[in-house]
């Protein structure tokens, strides 16, 4: 009688969630340059840089521009509005001073 043996294959399956977790954990950079020249005259130069990473990884490597963008961060918007308010208050005081000096001169 012949002994029947089963062959087992070790197949490692990786689903999309695992791949995404690895990419976000480590980060991935895609870079490319497009340059169009005609007779030694540069007509177009495009530099493309794409970083895909988690927020924590981005902060770790020093990228945090979204924290300072007034359209993406309420803290940045509040800070920008406070700066605008201070600038306007200073301008009002200056204009009031100019009006006061003109009325005293009459």
C-alpha atoms as a PDB file:
ATOM      1  CA  UNK A   1       0.000   0.000   0.000  1.00  0.00           C
ATOM      2  CA  UNK A   2       1.210   3.395  -0.832  1.00  0.00           C
ATOM      3  CA  UNK A   3       1.295   5.953   1.894  1.00  0.00           C
ATOM      4  CA  UNK A   4      -0.364   9.166   0.896  1.00  0.00           C
ATOM      5  CA  UNK A   5       1.434  12.293   2.035  1.00  0.00           C
ATOM      6  CA  UNK A   6      -0.031  15.721   2.013  1.00  0.00           C
ATOM      7  CA  UNK A   7       2.091  18.593   0.916  1.00  0.00           C
ATOM      8  CA  UNK A   8       1.481  21.720   2.877  1.00  0.00           C
ATOM      9  CA  UNK A   9       2.425  25.047   1.497  1.00  0.00           C
ATOM     10  CA  UNK A  10       3.167  27.957   3.737  1.00  0.00           C
ATOM     11  CA  UNK A  11       1.336  30.821   2.142  1.00  0.00           C
ATOM     12  CA  UNK A  12       1.565  34.102   3.934  1.00  0.00           C
ATOM     13  CA  UNK A  13      -1.452  36.240   3.264  1.00  0.00           C
ATOM     14  CA  UNK A  14      -1.323  39.933   3.820  1.00  0.00           C
ATOM     15  CA  UNK A  15      -4.487  41.924   3.685  1.00  0.00           C
ATOM     16  CA  UNK A  16      -4.821  45.588   2.827  1.00  0.00           C
ATOM     17  CA  UNK A  17      -5.089  46.635   6.480  1.00  0.00           C
ATOM     18  CA  UNK A  18      -1.712  45.020   7.273  1.00  0.00           C
ATOM     19  CA  UNK A  19      -0.053  46.712   4.322  1.00  0.00           C
ATOM     20  CA  UNK A  20      -1.539  50.079   5.243  1.00  0.00           C
ATOM     21  CA  UNK A  21      -0.425  49.674   8.852  1.00  0.00           C
ATOM     22  CA  UNK A  22       3.143  48.911   7.749  1.00  0.00           C
ATOM     23  CA  UNK A  23       3.263  51.853   5.331  1.00  0.00           C
ATOM     24  CA  UNK A  24       1.886  54.301   7.894  1.00  0.00           C
ATOM     25  CA  UNK A  25       4.214  53.002  10.591  1.00  0.00           C
ATOM     26  CA  UNK A  26       7.382  53.241   8.508  1.00  0.00           C
ATOM     27  CA  UNK A  27       6.354  55.839   5.940  1.00  0.00           C
ATOM     28  CA  UNK A  28       6.954  55.870   2.216  1.00  0.00           C
ATOM     29  CA  UNK A  29       8.382  58.609   0.006  1.00  0.00           C
ATOM     30  CA  UNK A  30       7.686  58.944  -3.681  1.00  0.00           C
ATOM     31  CA  UNK A  31       9.735  61.545  -5.529  1.00  0.00           C
ATOM     32  CA  UNK A  32       9.938  62.532  -9.147  1.00  0.00           C
ATOM     33  CA  UNK A  33      10.977  65.384 -11.394  1.00  0.00           C
ATOM     34  CA  UNK A  34       9.543  66.392 -14.733  1.00  0.00           C
ATOM     35  CA  UNK A  35      11.594  68.736 -16.862  1.00  0.00           C
ATOM     36  CA  UNK A  36      10.702  69.891 -20.361  1.00  0.00           C
ATOM     37  CA  UNK A  37      13.338  71.684 -22.424  1.00  0.00           C
ATOM     38  CA  UNK A  38      13.368  72.889 -25.984  1.00  0.00           C
ATOM     39  CA  UNK A  39      16.661  73.952 -27.561  1.00  0.00           C
ATOM     40  CA  UNK A  40      18.336  74.395 -24.164  1.00  0.00           C
ATOM     41  CA  UNK A  41      15.446  76.562 -22.929  1.00  0.00           C
ATOM     42  CA  UNK A  42      13.726  75.189 -19.910  1.00  0.00           C
ATOM     43  CA  UNK A  43       9.979  75.443 -20.449  1.00  0.00           C
ATOM     44  CA  UNK A  44       8.637  73.500 -17.486  1.00  0.00           C
ATOM     45  CA  UNK A  45      10.086  72.109 -14.273  1.00  0.00           C
ATOM     46  CA  UNK A  46       7.855  70.174 -11.883  1.00  0.00           C
ATOM     47  CA  UNK A  47       9.112  68.581  -8.691  1.00  0.00           C
ATOM     48  CA  UNK A  48       6.794  66.046  -7.115  1.00  0.00           C
ATOM     49  CA  UNK A  49       7.334  64.867  -3.560  1.00  0.00           C
ATOM     50  CA  UNK A  50       4.809  62.635  -1.807  1.00  0.00           C
ATOM     51  CA  UNK A  51       5.124  61.356   1.741  1.00  0.00           C
ATOM     52  CA  UNK A  52       2.662  58.821   3.073  1.00  0.00           C
ATOM     53  CA  UNK A  53       2.960  58.264   6.814  1.00  0.00           C
ATOM     54  CA  UNK A  54       0.975  58.351  10.012  1.00  0.00           C
ATOM     55  CA  UNK A  55       0.595  61.630  11.892  1.00  0.00           C
ATOM     56  CA  UNK A  56       2.885  60.337  14.643  1.00  0.00           C
ATOM     57  CA  UNK A  57       5.585  59.326  12.153  1.00  0.00           C
ATOM     58  CA  UNK A  58       5.301  62.674  10.329  1.00  0.00           C
ATOM     59  CA  UNK A  59       5.704  64.582  13.607  1.00  0.00           C
ATOM     60  CA  UNK A  60       8.657  62.356  14.484  1.00  0.00           C
ATOM     61  CA  UNK A  61      10.469  63.437  11.312  1.00  0.00           C
ATOM     62  CA  UNK A  62       9.540  67.100  11.817  1.00  0.00           C
ATOM     63  CA  UNK A  63       6.545  67.549   9.533  1.00  0.00           C
ATOM     64  CA  UNK A  64       3.586  69.283  11.183  1.00  0.00           C
ATOM     65  CA  UNK A  65       2.378  71.902   8.696  1.00  0.00           C
ATOM     66  CA  UNK A  66      -1.290  71.027   9.265  1.00  0.00           C
ATOM     67  CA  UNK A  67      -1.000  72.321  12.838  1.00  0.00           C
ATOM     68  CA  UNK A  68      -0.180  75.800  11.494  1.00  0.00           C
ATOM     69  CA  UNK A  69      -2.684  75.911   8.600  1.00  0.00           C
ATOM     70  CA  UNK A  70      -5.684  78.095   9.498  1.00  0.00           C
ATOM     71  CA  UNK A  71      -7.961  75.978   7.318  1.00  0.00           C
ATOM     72  CA  UNK A  72      -7.028  72.731   9.076  1.00  0.00           C
ATOM     73  CA  UNK A  73      -6.357  73.717  12.692  1.00  0.00           C
ATOM     74  CA  UNK A  74      -8.654  75.586  15.046  1.00  0.00           C
ATOM     75  CA  UNK A  75      -5.633  76.561  17.184  1.00  0.00           C
ATOM     76  CA  UNK A  76      -3.912  78.114  14.180  1.00  0.00           C
ATOM     77  CA  UNK A  77      -7.115  79.911  13.208  1.00  0.00           C
ATOM     78  CA  UNK A  78      -7.530  81.294  16.738  1.00  0.00           C
ATOM     79  CA  UNK A  79      -3.913  82.461  16.769  1.00  0.00           C
ATOM     80  CA  UNK A  80      -4.319  84.130  13.364  1.00  0.00           C
ATOM     81  CA  UNK A  81      -7.519  85.860  14.485  1.00  0.00           C
ATOM     82  CA  UNK A  82      -5.826  87.105  17.668  1.00  0.00           C
ATOM     83  CA  UNK A  83      -3.004  88.536  15.565  1.00  0.00           C
ATOM     84  CA  UNK A  84      -5.481  90.217  13.229  1.00  0.00           C
ATOM     85  CA  UNK A  85      -7.397  91.624  16.206  1.00  0.00           C
ATOM     86  CA  UNK A  86      -4.212  93.075  17.730  1.00  0.00           C
ATOM     87  CA  UNK A  87      -3.264  94.630  14.376  1.00  0.00           C
ATOM     88  CA  UNK A  88      -6.693  96.216  13.989  1.00  0.00           C
ATOM     89  CA  UNK A  89      -6.712  97.524  17.573  1.00  0.00           C
ATOM     90  CA  UNK A  90      -3.333  99.148  16.976  1.00  0.00           C
ATOM     91  CA  UNK A  91      -4.610 100.743  13.777  1.00  0.00           C
ATOM     92  CA  UNK A  92      -7.747 102.055  15.532  1.00  0.00           C
ATOM     93  CA  UNK A  93      -5.603 103.627  18.272  1.00  0.00           C
ATOM     94  CA  UNK A  94      -3.405 105.229  15.618  1.00  0.00           C
ATOM     95  CA  UNK A  95      -6.411 106.622  13.727  1.00  0.00           C
ATOM     96  CA  UNK A  96      -8.010 107.846  16.963  1.00  0.00           C
ATOM     97  CA  UNK A  97      -4.748 109.573  17.807  1.00  0.00           C
ATOM     98  CA  UNK A  98      -4.650 111.243  14.409  1.00  0.00           C
ATOM     99  CA  UNK A  99      -8.281 112.391  14.772  1.00  0.00           C
ATOM    100  CA  UNK A 100      -7.584 113.694  18.269  1.00  0.00           C
ATOM    101  CA  UNK A 101      -4.565 115.698  17.129  1.00  0.00           C
ATOM    102  CA  UNK A 102      -6.535 117.210  14.206  1.00  0.00           C
ATOM    103  CA  UNK A 103      -9.469 118.217  16.407  1.00  0.00           C
ATOM    104  CA  UNK A 104      -7.109 119.865  18.940  1.00  0.00           C
ATOM    105  CA  UNK A 105      -5.369 121.766  16.137  1.00  0.00           C
ATOM    106  CA  UNK A 106      -8.640 123.492  15.090  1.00  0.00           C
END
